Amino acid sequence: MSHSPTFKPLAQTNISLAGCYVPETFGPPPVNADTPAMQVMTDLSKVPAATISLDSALEEANQSMILRGVRLLLVVEKDSKGKKIAGIITSVDILGEKPVLVAQSRRVKRSDLRVDDVMVPVKAMEALNISDVDKTSVGNIVATLKAAGRAHALVIKENDDGMQSLVGIFSASQIARQLGVQVLTHGMARTFAEIEAVIAGL
């Protein structure tokens, strides 16, 4: 008969009267336009991807973004190989005029809409290849996002079987934070203008 292990409590110590300090920040390192792009990419091998299913309600997607502190969710569907990307949905897709227009055209209530009614489908998406990202800098990523008119870019890796794996995400607001830009607005044009002002002044 095997005995279950006995776990002993650890000794505890008093908090010092001289002071016990909270670390100032635990955040991503500051960067500039010439910093390697990998330093501003959210690495999905270290941070779990924020996902939602196709048939989730829009309000559920909105709450999920708020709870996770993100502005983009990957919309996934399950198949035999795992979670396959069906599209992406951003805070702008949920809170902008898109749901209102879709609801009007279908003569349904906005609250009846699901994620797949307003998401950007995978067939309309483009991504960056990790092999290119690995050789480039923050300034190039900013230029890429601006040219595409998007606040996010997905980064994929080509697998030997012809499939792709999602390995990272770039976010304009994350890049702005690491550049030291205060992002106080949801407006993408303003965010890019502030990022470019910082880059120009470096």
Protein backbone atom coordinates (compact mmCIF):
# COMPACT_ATOMS: atom_id res chain seq x y z
CA MET A 1 0.00 0.00 0.00
CA SER A 2 1.53 3.30 -1.03
CA HIS A 3 1.57 6.20 1.37
CA SER A 4 0.61 9.64 0.16
CA PRO A 5 3.44 12.15 0.56
CA THR A 6 3.35 14.40 3.60
CA PHE A 7 3.59 18.05 2.67
CA LYS A 8 5.11 20.33 5.27
CA PRO A 9 4.33 24.04 5.44
CA LEU A 10 7.17 26.44 4.67
CA ALA A 11 8.56 28.71 7.36
CA GLN A 12 7.25 32.26 7.03
CA THR A 13 8.99 35.52 7.76
CA ASN A 14 7.80 38.96 8.82
CA ILE A 15 7.47 41.80 6.35
CA SER A 16 10.40 44.12 7.07
CA LEU A 17 9.61 47.33 8.94
CA ALA A 18 12.37 48.93 6.85
CA GLY A 19 10.09 48.47 3.84
CA CYS A 20 9.06 45.82 1.34
CA TYR A 21 8.78 47.30 -2.15
CA VAL A 22 6.72 46.42 -5.18
CA PRO A 23 8.80 46.25 -8.40
CA GLU A 24 8.30 49.39 -10.51
CA THR A 25 7.16 47.68 -13.69
CA PHE A 26 6.96 44.26 -15.15
CA GLY A 27 6.44 45.17 -18.75
CA PRO A 28 7.95 44.76 -22.17
CA PRO A 29 11.28 46.52 -22.76
CA PRO A 30 11.35 49.99 -24.34
CA VAL A 31 12.23 49.96 -28.03
CA ASN A 32 12.99 52.30 -30.93
CA ALA A 33 12.41 52.13 -34.70
CA ASP A 34 15.60 50.12 -35.30
CA THR A 35 14.92 47.52 -32.59
CA PRO A 36 14.41 43.96 -33.93
CA ALA A 37 10.70 43.44 -34.64
CA MET A 38 10.61 40.27 -32.52
CA GLN A 39 10.84 42.45 -29.39
CA VAL A 40 7.37 43.93 -30.02
CA MET A 41 5.66 40.73 -31.19
CA THR A 42 3.31 38.88 -28.85
CA ASP A 43 4.89 35.41 -28.91
CA LEU A 44 2.07 32.86 -28.81
CA SER A 45 4.41 30.17 -27.48
CA LYS A 46 4.65 32.26 -24.28
CA VAL A 47 1.25 34.00 -24.17
CA PRO A 48 -1.89 31.99 -24.88
CA ALA A 49 -3.84 33.23 -27.88
CA ALA A 50 -7.16 34.93 -27.08
CA THR A 51 -9.77 32.93 -28.99
CA ILE A 52 -13.53 32.74 -29.34
CA SER A 53 -15.85 30.42 -31.24
CA LEU A 54 -17.77 31.31 -34.41
CA ASP A 55 -21.20 31.06 -32.81
CA SER A 56 -20.50 33.19 -29.72
CA ALA A 57 -22.67 36.28 -29.19
CA LEU A 58 -21.10 39.68 -29.88
CA GLU A 59 -21.56 40.73 -26.25
CA GLU A 60 -19.66 37.61 -25.15
CA ALA A 61 -16.79 38.59 -27.47
CA ASN A 62 -16.80 42.13 -26.08
CA GLN A 63 -16.69 40.89 -22.48
CA SER A 64 -13.89 38.46 -23.37
CA MET A 65 -11.80 41.34 -24.78
CA ILE A 66 -12.40 43.47 -21.68
CA LEU A 67 -11.46 40.62 -19.31
CA ARG A 68 -8.28 39.78 -21.24
CA GLY A 69 -7.28 43.39 -21.94
CA VAL A 70 -7.06 42.81 -25.70
CA ARG A 71 -8.68 44.39 -28.76
CA LEU A 72 -8.51 41.35 -31.04
CA LEU A 73 -9.78 37.79 -30.72
CA LEU A 74 -8.95 34.91 -33.03
CA VAL A 75 -12.16 33.25 -34.17
CA VAL A 76 -11.64 29.49 -34.24
CA GLU A 77 -13.44 26.35 -35.26
CA LYS A 78 -12.41 22.88 -34.18
CA ASP A 79 -11.52 20.17 -36.62
CA SER A 80 -9.56 16.90 -36.41
CA LYS A 81 -6.21 18.72 -36.27
CA GLY A 82 -7.15 21.22 -33.55
CA LYS A 83 -8.32 24.83 -33.47
CA LYS A 84 -8.39 26.24 -36.99
CA ILE A 85 -8.56 30.00 -37.57
CA ALA A 86 -11.84 31.01 -39.18
CA GLY A 87 -11.27 34.75 -38.88
CA ILE A 88 -10.52 37.60 -36.50
CA ILE A 89 -12.77 40.03 -34.67
CA THR A 90 -11.61 43.34 -33.22
CA SER A 91 -13.12 45.83 -30.80
CA VAL A 92 -13.85 48.08 -33.80
CA ASP A 93 -15.83 45.25 -35.46
CA ILE A 94 -17.96 44.90 -32.31
CA LEU A 95 -18.33 48.52 -31.19
CA GLY A 96 -18.31 50.29 -34.57
CA GLU A 97 -21.11 50.66 -37.10
CA LYS A 98 -20.60 47.23 -38.70
CA PRO A 99 -23.01 45.33 -36.36
CA VAL A 100 -25.67 48.04 -36.78
CA LEU A 101 -25.47 47.83 -40.59
CA VAL A 102 -25.53 44.01 -40.58
CA ALA A 103 -28.49 43.95 -38.17
CA GLN A 104 -30.40 46.46 -40.34
CA SER A 105 -29.74 44.57 -43.57
CA ARG A 106 -30.92 41.28 -42.03
CA ARG A 107 -33.78 42.89 -40.11
CA VAL A 108 -32.65 41.40 -36.81
CA LYS A 109 -31.66 42.92 -33.47
CA ARG A 110 -28.00 43.74 -32.87
CA SER A 111 -28.13 41.49 -29.79
CA ASP A 112 -29.01 38.53 -32.08
CA LEU A 113 -25.75 38.81 -34.03
CA ARG A 114 -22.95 36.30 -33.58
CA VAL A 115 -19.20 36.60 -34.02
CA ASP A 116 -19.25 35.10 -37.52
CA ASP A 117 -21.71 37.82 -38.65
CA VAL A 118 -19.17 40.64 -38.26
CA MET A 119 -15.71 39.03 -38.13
CA VAL A 120 -13.08 39.41 -40.84
CA PRO A 121 -13.11 35.94 -42.47
CA VAL A 122 -9.87 34.05 -43.00
CA LYS A 123 -10.19 34.37 -46.81
CA ALA A 124 -9.92 38.17 -46.43
CA MET A 125 -6.90 38.02 -44.11
CA GLU A 126 -3.18 38.31 -44.77
CA ALA A 127 -0.29 37.48 -42.48
CA LEU A 128 3.44 38.05 -42.14
CA ASN A 129 5.88 35.17 -42.33
CA ILE A 130 8.06 34.64 -39.24
CA SER A 131 11.12 34.18 -41.47
CA ASP A 132 10.67 37.77 -42.73
CA VAL A 133 9.78 39.18 -39.30
CA ASP A 134 12.94 37.65 -37.86
CA LYS A 135 15.10 39.87 -40.12
CA THR A 136 13.26 43.17 -39.78
CA SER A 137 12.79 46.07 -37.37
CA VAL A 138 10.01 47.84 -35.46
CA GLY A 139 9.91 50.66 -38.05
CA ASN A 140 9.10 48.17 -40.84
CA ILE A 141 6.25 46.67 -38.80
CA VAL A 142 4.76 50.14 -38.20
CA ALA A 143 4.98 50.86 -41.96
CA THR A 144 3.32 47.50 -42.72
CA LEU A 145 0.42 48.09 -40.32
CA LYS A 146 -0.10 51.62 -41.64
CA ALA A 147 -0.04 50.50 -45.30
CA ALA A 148 -2.62 47.80 -44.52
CA GLY A 149 -4.75 50.24 -42.51
CA ARG A 150 -4.90 47.75 -39.65
CA ALA A 151 -4.04 47.92 -35.96
CA HIS A 152 -2.94 44.26 -35.86
CA ALA A 153 -0.90 41.83 -37.96
CA LEU A 154 -0.75 38.06 -37.59
CA VAL A 155 2.55 36.19 -37.91
CA ILE A 156 2.59 32.65 -39.26
CA LYS A 157 5.12 29.86 -39.76
CA GLU A 158 4.94 27.57 -42.77
CA ASN A 159 4.97 23.91 -41.71
CA ASP A 160 6.43 21.02 -43.70
CA ASP A 161 2.96 19.57 -44.35
CA GLY A 162 1.80 22.71 -46.19
CA MET A 163 -0.22 23.86 -43.17
CA GLN A 164 0.52 27.04 -41.24
CA SER A 165 0.85 27.73 -37.52
CA LEU A 166 0.08 31.07 -35.94
CA VAL A 167 3.15 32.06 -33.92
CA GLY A 168 2.65 35.73 -33.08
CA ILE A 169 0.62 38.93 -33.27
CA PHE A 170 1.68 42.55 -33.70
CA SER A 171 -0.50 45.26 -32.17
CA ALA A 172 -0.16 48.98 -32.91
CA SER A 173 -1.12 49.86 -29.33
CA GLN A 174 1.50 47.46 -27.92
CA ILE A 175 4.19 48.93 -30.21
CA ALA A 176 3.12 52.43 -29.18
CA ARG A 177 3.47 51.55 -25.49
CA GLN A 178 6.96 50.12 -26.01
CA LEU A 179 7.95 53.24 -27.97
CA GLY A 180 6.74 55.36 -25.05
CA VAL A 181 3.70 56.76 -26.89
CA GLN A 182 0.64 57.37 -24.72
CA VAL A 183 -2.27 55.73 -26.52
CA LEU A 184 -5.27 57.67 -25.26
CA THR A 185 -7.47 57.18 -28.28
CA HIS A 186 -9.08 54.34 -30.19
CA GLY A 187 -8.44 56.23 -33.44
CA MET A 188 -5.96 54.32 -35.56
CA ALA A 189 -4.85 57.33 -37.61
CA ARG A 190 -4.04 59.27 -34.44
CA THR A 191 -2.14 56.32 -32.96
CA PHE A 192 -0.02 55.98 -36.12
CA ALA A 193 0.60 59.74 -36.22
CA GLU A 194 1.85 59.66 -32.63
CA ILE A 195 4.02 56.59 -33.29
CA GLU A 196 5.56 58.23 -36.37
CA ALA A 197 6.21 61.46 -34.44
CA VAL A 198 8.17 59.47 -31.85
CA ILE A 199 10.10 57.53 -34.53
CA ALA A 200 10.94 60.78 -36.37
CA GLY A 201 12.25 62.31 -33.16
CA LEU A 202 14.54 59.39 -32.28
